[in-house]
Amino acid sequence: MVTIVVRDNNVEQALRALKKKMQREGTFREMKRRKFYEKPSERRARQKAEAVRRARKLQRKKMQREGLI
């Protein structure tokens, strides 16, 4: 549960902090994903694509650290 404290009646600042926390936790992405039903096969395909994307990103970072790129 996310808790945001409103200080000095500054609601705008509290909203910005809330949005930032929700963004970091992935809540917005989750809400967008759950807006419509996702078939199990589509879910598996999406998860596999995400895993491939993460692996490629990790590989790129590793290559860059080693000075190959």
PDB file of N, CA and C in Angstrom:
ATOM      1  N   MET A   1       0.838  -1.178   0.000  1.00  0.00           N
ATOM      2  CA  MET A   1       0.000   0.000   0.000  1.00  0.00           C
ATOM      3  C   MET A   1       0.883   1.242   0.000  1.00  0.00           C
ATOM      4  N   VAL A   2       0.612   2.140  -0.901  1.00  0.00           N
ATOM      5  CA  VAL A   2       1.385   3.366  -1.027  1.00  0.00           C
ATOM      6  C   VAL A   2       0.754   4.436  -0.145  1.00  0.00           C
ATOM      7  N   THR A   3       1.583   5.088   0.645  1.00  0.00           N
ATOM      8  CA  THR A   3       1.103   6.157   1.514  1.00  0.00           C
ATOM      9  C   THR A   3       1.836   7.440   1.164  1.00  0.00           C
ATOM     10  N   ILE A   4       1.074   8.486   0.926  1.00  0.00           N
ATOM     11  CA  ILE A   4       1.636   9.794   0.603  1.00  0.00           C
ATOM     12  C   ILE A   4       1.123  10.794   1.627  1.00  0.00           C
ATOM     13  N   VAL A   5       2.020  11.596   2.160  1.00  0.00           N
ATOM     14  CA  VAL A   5       1.652  12.604   3.152  1.00  0.00           C
ATOM     15  C   VAL A   5       1.527  13.947   2.446  1.00  0.00           C
ATOM     16  N   VAL A   6       0.396  14.627   2.662  1.00  0.00           N
ATOM     17  CA  VAL A   6       0.183  15.958   2.092  1.00  0.00           C
ATOM     18  C   VAL A   6       0.680  16.971   3.114  1.00  0.00           C
ATOM     19  N   ARG A   7       1.662  17.756   2.715  1.00  0.00           N
ATOM     20  CA  ARG A   7       2.234  18.750   3.624  1.00  0.00           C
ATOM     21  C   ARG A   7       1.804  20.148   3.196  1.00  0.00           C
ATOM     22  N   ASP A   8       1.419  20.948   4.144  1.00  0.00           N
ATOM     23  CA  ASP A   8       1.033  22.351   3.912  1.00  0.00           C
ATOM     24  C   ASP A   8      -0.038  22.486   2.837  1.00  0.00           C
ATOM     25  N   ASN A   9      -0.977  21.558   2.797  1.00  0.00           N
ATOM     26  CA  ASN A   9      -2.070  21.560   1.815  1.00  0.00           C
ATOM     27  C   ASN A   9      -1.561  21.615   0.376  1.00  0.00           C
ATOM     28  N   ASN A  10      -0.386  21.079   0.135  1.00  0.00           N
ATOM     29  CA  ASN A  10       0.191  21.072  -1.206  1.00  0.00           C
ATOM     30  C   ASN A  10      -0.177  19.751  -1.891  1.00  0.00           C
ATOM     31  N   VAL A  11      -1.377  19.720  -2.446  1.00  0.00           N
ATOM     32  CA  VAL A  11      -1.904  18.500  -3.050  1.00  0.00           C
ATOM     33  C   VAL A  11      -1.169  18.170  -4.345  1.00  0.00           C
ATOM     34  N   GLU A  12      -0.782  19.196  -5.102  1.00  0.00           N
ATOM     35  CA  GLU A  12      -0.094  18.957  -6.376  1.00  0.00           C
ATOM     36  C   GLU A  12       1.221  18.208  -6.156  1.00  0.00           C
ATOM     37  N   GLN A  13       1.957  18.622  -5.142  1.00  0.00           N
ATOM     38  CA  GLN A  13       3.226  17.962  -4.845  1.00  0.00           C
ATOM     39  C   GLN A  13       2.984  16.515  -4.395  1.00  0.00           C
ATOM     40  N   ALA A  14       1.938  16.314  -3.607  1.00  0.00           N
ATOM     41  CA  ALA A  14       1.607  14.962  -3.150  1.00  0.00           C
ATOM     42  C   ALA A  14       1.200  14.082  -4.333  1.00  0.00           C
ATOM     43  N   LEU A  15       0.449  14.648  -5.278  1.00  0.00           N
ATOM     44  CA  LEU A  15       0.056  13.886  -6.472  1.00  0.00           C
ATOM     45  C   LEU A  15       1.270  13.492  -7.300  1.00  0.00           C
ATOM     46  N   ARG A  16       2.214  14.418  -7.450  1.00  0.00           N
ATOM     47  CA  ARG A  16       3.438  14.106  -8.199  1.00  0.00           C
ATOM     48  C   ARG A  16       4.196  12.970  -7.527  1.00  0.00           C
ATOM     49  N   ALA A  17       4.282  13.033  -6.203  1.00  0.00           N
ATOM     50  CA  ALA A  17       4.983  11.981  -5.464  1.00  0.00           C
ATOM     51  C   ALA A  17       4.262  10.644  -5.625  1.00  0.00           C
ATOM     52  N   LEU A  18       2.930  10.672  -5.578  1.00  0.00           N
ATOM     53  CA  LEU A  18       2.145   9.447  -5.744  1.00  0.00           C
ATOM     54  C   LEU A  18       2.363   8.847  -7.130  1.00  0.00           C
ATOM     55  N   LYS A  19       2.304   9.689  -8.148  1.00  0.00           N
ATOM     56  CA  LYS A  19       2.503   9.206  -9.517  1.00  0.00           C
ATOM     57  C   LYS A  19       3.889   8.604  -9.687  1.00  0.00           C
ATOM     58  N   LYS A  20       4.885   9.244  -9.095  1.00  0.00           N
ATOM     59  CA  LYS A  20       6.255   8.749  -9.207  1.00  0.00           C
ATOM     60  C   LYS A  20       6.392   7.381  -8.537  1.00  0.00           C
ATOM     61  N   LYS A  21       5.789   7.234  -7.347  1.00  0.00           N
ATOM     62  CA  LYS A  21       5.860   5.949  -6.647  1.00  0.00           C
ATOM     63  C   LYS A  21       5.133   4.861  -7.427  1.00  0.00           C
ATOM     64  N   MET A  22       3.968   5.198  -7.963  1.00  0.00           N
ATOM     65  CA  MET A  22       3.201   4.213  -8.726  1.00  0.00           C
ATOM     66  C   MET A  22       3.947   3.821  -9.999  1.00  0.00           C
ATOM     67  N   GLN A  23       4.618   4.777 -10.611  1.00  0.00           N
ATOM     68  CA  GLN A  23       5.401   4.498 -11.816  1.00  0.00           C
ATOM     69  C   GLN A  23       6.532   3.531 -11.488  1.00  0.00           C
ATOM     70  N   ARG A  24       7.226   3.795 -10.372  1.00  0.00           N
ATOM     71  CA  ARG A  24       8.342   2.940  -9.967  1.00  0.00           C
ATOM     72  C   ARG A  24       7.884   1.520  -9.662  1.00  0.00           C
ATOM     73  N   GLU A  25       6.714   1.389  -9.059  1.00  0.00           N
ATOM     74  CA  GLU A  25       6.207   0.072  -8.692  1.00  0.00           C
ATOM     75  C   GLU A  25       5.591  -0.665  -9.877  1.00  0.00           C
ATOM     76  N   GLY A  26       5.343   0.042 -10.968  1.00  0.00           N
ATOM     77  CA  GLY A  26       4.765  -0.592 -12.144  1.00  0.00           C
ATOM     78  C   GLY A  26       3.252  -0.700 -12.082  1.00  0.00           C
ATOM     79  N   THR A  27       2.629   0.094 -11.240  1.00  0.00           N
ATOM     80  CA  THR A  27       1.178   0.026 -11.078  1.00  0.00           C
ATOM     81  C   THR A  27       0.453   0.467 -12.339  1.00  0.00           C
ATOM     82  N   PHE A  28       0.942   1.530 -12.981  1.00  0.00           N
ATOM     83  CA  PHE A  28       0.287   2.022 -14.194  1.00  0.00           C
ATOM     84  C   PHE A  28       0.363   0.980 -15.302  1.00  0.00           C
ATOM     85  N   ARG A  29       1.523   0.360 -15.437  1.00  0.00           N
ATOM     86  CA  ARG A  29       1.702  -0.672 -16.461  1.00  0.00           C
ATOM     87  C   ARG A  29       0.752  -1.839 -16.193  1.00  0.00           C
ATOM     88  N   GLU A  30       0.636  -2.194 -14.921  1.00  0.00           N
ATOM     89  CA  GLU A  30      -0.246  -3.298 -14.528  1.00  0.00           C
ATOM     90  C   GLU A  30      -1.711  -2.963 -14.826  1.00  0.00           C
ATOM     91  N   MET A  31      -2.127  -1.746 -14.510  1.00  0.00           N
ATOM     92  CA  MET A  31      -3.516  -1.345 -14.773  1.00  0.00           C
ATOM     93  C   MET A  31      -3.801  -1.364 -16.272  1.00  0.00           C
ATOM     94  N   LYS A  32      -2.859  -0.874 -17.049  1.00  0.00           N
ATOM     95  CA  LYS A  32      -3.039  -0.848 -18.500  1.00  0.00           C
ATOM     96  C   LYS A  32      -3.145  -2.273 -19.043  1.00  0.00           C
ATOM     97  N   ARG A  33      -2.323  -3.164 -18.501  1.00  0.00           N
ATOM     98  CA  ARG A  33      -2.314  -4.550 -18.955  1.00  0.00           C
ATOM     99  C   ARG A  33      -3.602  -5.274 -18.572  1.00  0.00           C
ATOM    100  N   ARG A  34      -4.156  -4.952 -17.428  1.00  0.00           N
ATOM    101  CA  ARG A  34      -5.358  -5.639 -16.948  1.00  0.00           C
ATOM    102  C   ARG A  34      -6.657  -5.012 -17.434  1.00  0.00           C
ATOM    103  N   LYS A  35      -6.558  -3.983 -18.244  1.00  0.00           N
ATOM    104  CA  LYS A  35      -7.757  -3.304 -18.729  1.00  0.00           C
ATOM    105  C   LYS A  35      -8.642  -4.262 -19.528  1.00  0.00           C
ATOM    106  N   PHE A  36      -8.017  -5.135 -20.309  1.00  0.00           N
ATOM    107  CA  PHE A  36      -8.742  -6.114 -21.104  1.00  0.00           C
ATOM    108  C   PHE A  36      -8.227  -7.504 -20.772  1.00  0.00           C
ATOM    109  N   TYR A  37      -9.059  -8.486 -21.031  1.00  0.00           N
ATOM    110  CA  TYR A  37      -8.662  -9.869 -20.781  1.00  0.00           C
ATOM    111  C   TYR A  37      -7.538 -10.260 -21.727  1.00  0.00           C
ATOM    112  N   GLU A  38      -6.579 -10.969 -21.187  1.00  0.00           N
ATOM    113  CA  GLU A  38      -5.455 -11.444 -21.987  1.00  0.00           C
ATOM    114  C   GLU A  38      -5.468 -12.970 -21.966  1.00  0.00           C
ATOM    115  N   LYS A  39      -5.553 -13.550 -23.148  1.00  0.00           N
ATOM    116  CA  LYS A  39      -5.583 -15.005 -23.231  1.00  0.00           C
ATOM    117  C   LYS A  39      -4.275 -15.575 -22.683  1.00  0.00           C
ATOM    118  N   PRO A  40      -4.335 -16.769 -22.112  1.00  0.00           N
ATOM    119  CA  PRO A  40      -3.116 -17.373 -21.564  1.00  0.00           C
ATOM    120  C   PRO A  40      -1.991 -17.499 -22.592  1.00  0.00           C
ATOM    121  N   SER A  41      -2.336 -17.806 -23.838  1.00  0.00           N
ATOM    122  CA  SER A  41      -1.294 -17.926 -24.865  1.00  0.00           C
ATOM    123  C   SER A  41      -0.658 -16.567 -25.150  1.00  0.00           C
ATOM    124  N   GLU A  42      -1.473 -15.500 -25.155  1.00  0.00           N
ATOM    125  CA  GLU A  42      -0.944 -14.151 -25.364  1.00  0.00           C
ATOM    126  C   GLU A  42      -0.062 -13.745 -24.189  1.00  0.00           C
ATOM    127  N   ARG A  43      -0.475 -14.153 -22.998  1.00  0.00           N
ATOM    128  CA  ARG A  43       0.294 -13.829 -21.793  1.00  0.00           C
ATOM    129  C   ARG A  43       1.669 -14.493 -21.840  1.00  0.00           C
ATOM    130  N   ARG A  44       1.690 -15.767 -22.223  1.00  0.00           N
ATOM    131  CA  ARG A  44       2.967 -16.479 -22.331  1.00  0.00           C
ATOM    132  C   ARG A  44       3.858 -15.833 -23.383  1.00  0.00           C
ATOM    133  N   ALA A  45       3.269 -15.468 -24.512  1.00  0.00           N
ATOM    134  CA  ALA A  45       4.051 -14.843 -25.587  1.00  0.00           C
ATOM    135  C   ALA A  45       4.619 -13.504 -25.121  1.00  0.00           C
ATOM    136  N   ARG A  46       3.814 -12.722 -24.403  1.00  0.00           N
ATOM    137  CA  ARG A  46       4.275 -11.429 -23.900  1.00  0.00           C
ATOM    138  C   ARG A  46       5.403 -11.615 -22.895  1.00  0.00           C
ATOM    139  N   GLN A  47       5.229 -12.568 -21.989  1.00  0.00           N
ATOM    140  CA  GLN A  47       6.257 -12.809 -20.979  1.00  0.00           C
ATOM    141  C   GLN A  47       7.556 -13.285 -21.623  1.00  0.00           C
ATOM    142  N   LYS A  48       7.443 -14.119 -22.644  1.00  0.00           N
ATOM    143  CA  LYS A  48       8.637 -14.601 -23.335  1.00  0.00           C
ATOM    144  C   LYS A  48       9.345 -13.448 -24.045  1.00  0.00           C
ATOM    145  N   ALA A  49       8.564 -12.582 -24.683  1.00  0.00           N
ATOM    146  CA  ALA A  49       9.146 -11.428 -25.371  1.00  0.00           C
ATOM    147  C   ALA A  49       9.835 -10.498 -24.371  1.00  0.00           C
ATOM    148  N   GLU A  50       9.217 -10.308 -23.211  1.00  0.00           N
ATOM    149  CA  GLU A  50       9.830  -9.469 -22.179  1.00  0.00           C
ATOM    150  C   GLU A  50      11.137 -10.082 -21.690  1.00  0.00           C
ATOM    151  N   ALA A  51      11.155 -11.392 -21.534  1.00  0.00           N
ATOM    152  CA  ALA A  51      12.367 -12.073 -21.078  1.00  0.00           C
ATOM    153  C   ALA A  51      13.486 -11.927 -22.106  1.00  0.00           C
ATOM    154  N   VAL A  52      13.137 -12.060 -23.383  1.00  0.00           N
ATOM    155  CA  VAL A  52      14.132 -11.903 -24.449  1.00  0.00           C
ATOM    156  C   VAL A  52      14.672 -10.477 -24.437  1.00  0.00           C
ATOM    157  N   ARG A  53      13.772  -9.508 -24.272  1.00  0.00           N
ATOM    158  CA  ARG A  53      14.176  -8.101 -24.237  1.00  0.00           C
ATOM    159  C   ARG A  53      15.129  -7.846 -23.069  1.00  0.00           C
ATOM    160  N   ARG A  54      14.798  -8.401 -21.895  1.00  0.00           N
ATOM    161  CA  ARG A  54      15.669  -8.227 -20.729  1.00  0.00           C
ATOM    162  C   ARG A  54      17.031  -8.865 -20.955  1.00  0.00           C
ATOM    163  N   ALA A  55      17.039 -10.054 -21.553  1.00  0.00           N
ATOM    164  CA  ALA A  55      18.300 -10.757 -21.797  1.00  0.00           C
ATOM    165  C   ALA A  55      19.176  -9.975 -22.775  1.00  0.00           C
ATOM    166  N   ARG A  56      18.566  -9.437 -23.822  1.00  0.00           N
ATOM    167  CA  ARG A  56      19.332  -8.649 -24.792  1.00  0.00           C
ATOM    168  C   ARG A  56      19.900  -7.394 -24.155  1.00  0.00           C
ATOM    169  N   LYS A  57      19.094  -6.753 -23.319  1.00  0.00           N
ATOM    170  CA  LYS A  57      19.550  -5.542 -22.643  1.00  0.00           C
ATOM    171  C   LYS A  57      20.722  -5.867 -21.719  1.00  0.00           C
ATOM    172  N   LEU A  58      20.609  -6.962 -20.985  1.00  0.00           N
ATOM    173  CA  LEU A  58      21.681  -7.383 -20.092  1.00  0.00           C
ATOM    174  C   LEU A  58      22.949  -7.701 -20.885  1.00  0.00           C
ATOM    175  N   GLN A  59      22.780  -8.364 -22.016  1.00  0.00           N
ATOM    176  CA  GLN A  59      23.918  -8.705 -22.868  1.00  0.00           C
ATOM    177  C   GLN A  59      24.600  -7.442 -23.396  1.00  0.00           C
ATOM    178  N   ARG A  60      23.784  -6.462 -23.822  1.00  0.00           N
ATOM    179  CA  ARG A  60      24.344  -5.193 -24.310  1.00  0.00           C
ATOM    180  C   ARG A  60      25.146  -4.498 -23.222  1.00  0.00           C
ATOM    181  N   LYS A  61      24.586  -4.462 -22.011  1.00  0.00           N
ATOM    182  CA  LYS A  61      25.285  -3.815 -20.903  1.00  0.00           C
ATOM    183  C   LYS A  61      26.594  -4.529 -20.594  1.00  0.00           C
ATOM    184  N   LYS A  62      26.552  -5.853 -20.635  1.00  0.00           N
ATOM    185  CA  LYS A  62      27.748  -6.641 -20.351  1.00  0.00           C
ATOM    186  C   LYS A  62      28.826  -6.374 -21.398  1.00  0.00           C
ATOM    187  N   MET A  63      28.424  -6.340 -22.665  1.00  0.00           N
ATOM    188  CA  MET A  63      29.373  -6.078 -23.749  1.00  0.00           C
ATOM    189  C   MET A  63      29.958  -4.672 -23.616  1.00  0.00           C
ATOM    190  N   GLN A  64      29.115  -3.725 -23.242  1.00  0.00           N
ATOM    191  CA  GLN A  64      29.577  -2.349 -23.111  1.00  0.00           C
ATOM    192  C   GLN A  64      30.574  -2.225 -21.956  1.00  0.00           C
ATOM    193  N   ARG A  65      30.309  -2.930 -20.859  1.00  0.00           N
ATOM    194  CA  ARG A  65      31.226  -2.899 -19.723  1.00  0.00           C
ATOM    195  C   ARG A  65      32.582  -3.480 -20.094  1.00  0.00           C
ATOM    196  N   GLU A  66      32.564  -4.495 -20.932  1.00  0.00           N
ATOM    197  CA  GLU A  66      33.810  -5.132 -21.344  1.00  0.00           C
ATOM    198  C   GLU A  66      34.527  -4.334 -22.423  1.00  0.00           C
ATOM    199  N   GLY A  67      33.877  -3.319 -22.943  1.00  0.00           N
ATOM    200  CA  GLY A  67      34.503  -2.456 -23.933  1.00  0.00           C
ATOM    201  C   GLY A  67      34.450  -2.988 -25.346  1.00  0.00           C
ATOM    202  N   LEU A  68      33.546  -3.894 -25.610  1.00  0.00           N
ATOM    203  CA  LEU A  68      33.446  -4.462 -26.953  1.00  0.00           C
ATOM    204  C   LEU A  68      32.572  -3.623 -27.872  1.00  0.00           C
ATOM    205  N   ILE A  69      31.780  -2.761 -27.289  1.00  0.00           N
ATOM    206  CA  ILE A  69      30.915  -1.903 -28.117  1.00  0.00           C
ATOM    207  C   ILE A  69      31.372  -0.468 -27.979  1.00  0.00           C
TER     208      ILE A  69
END
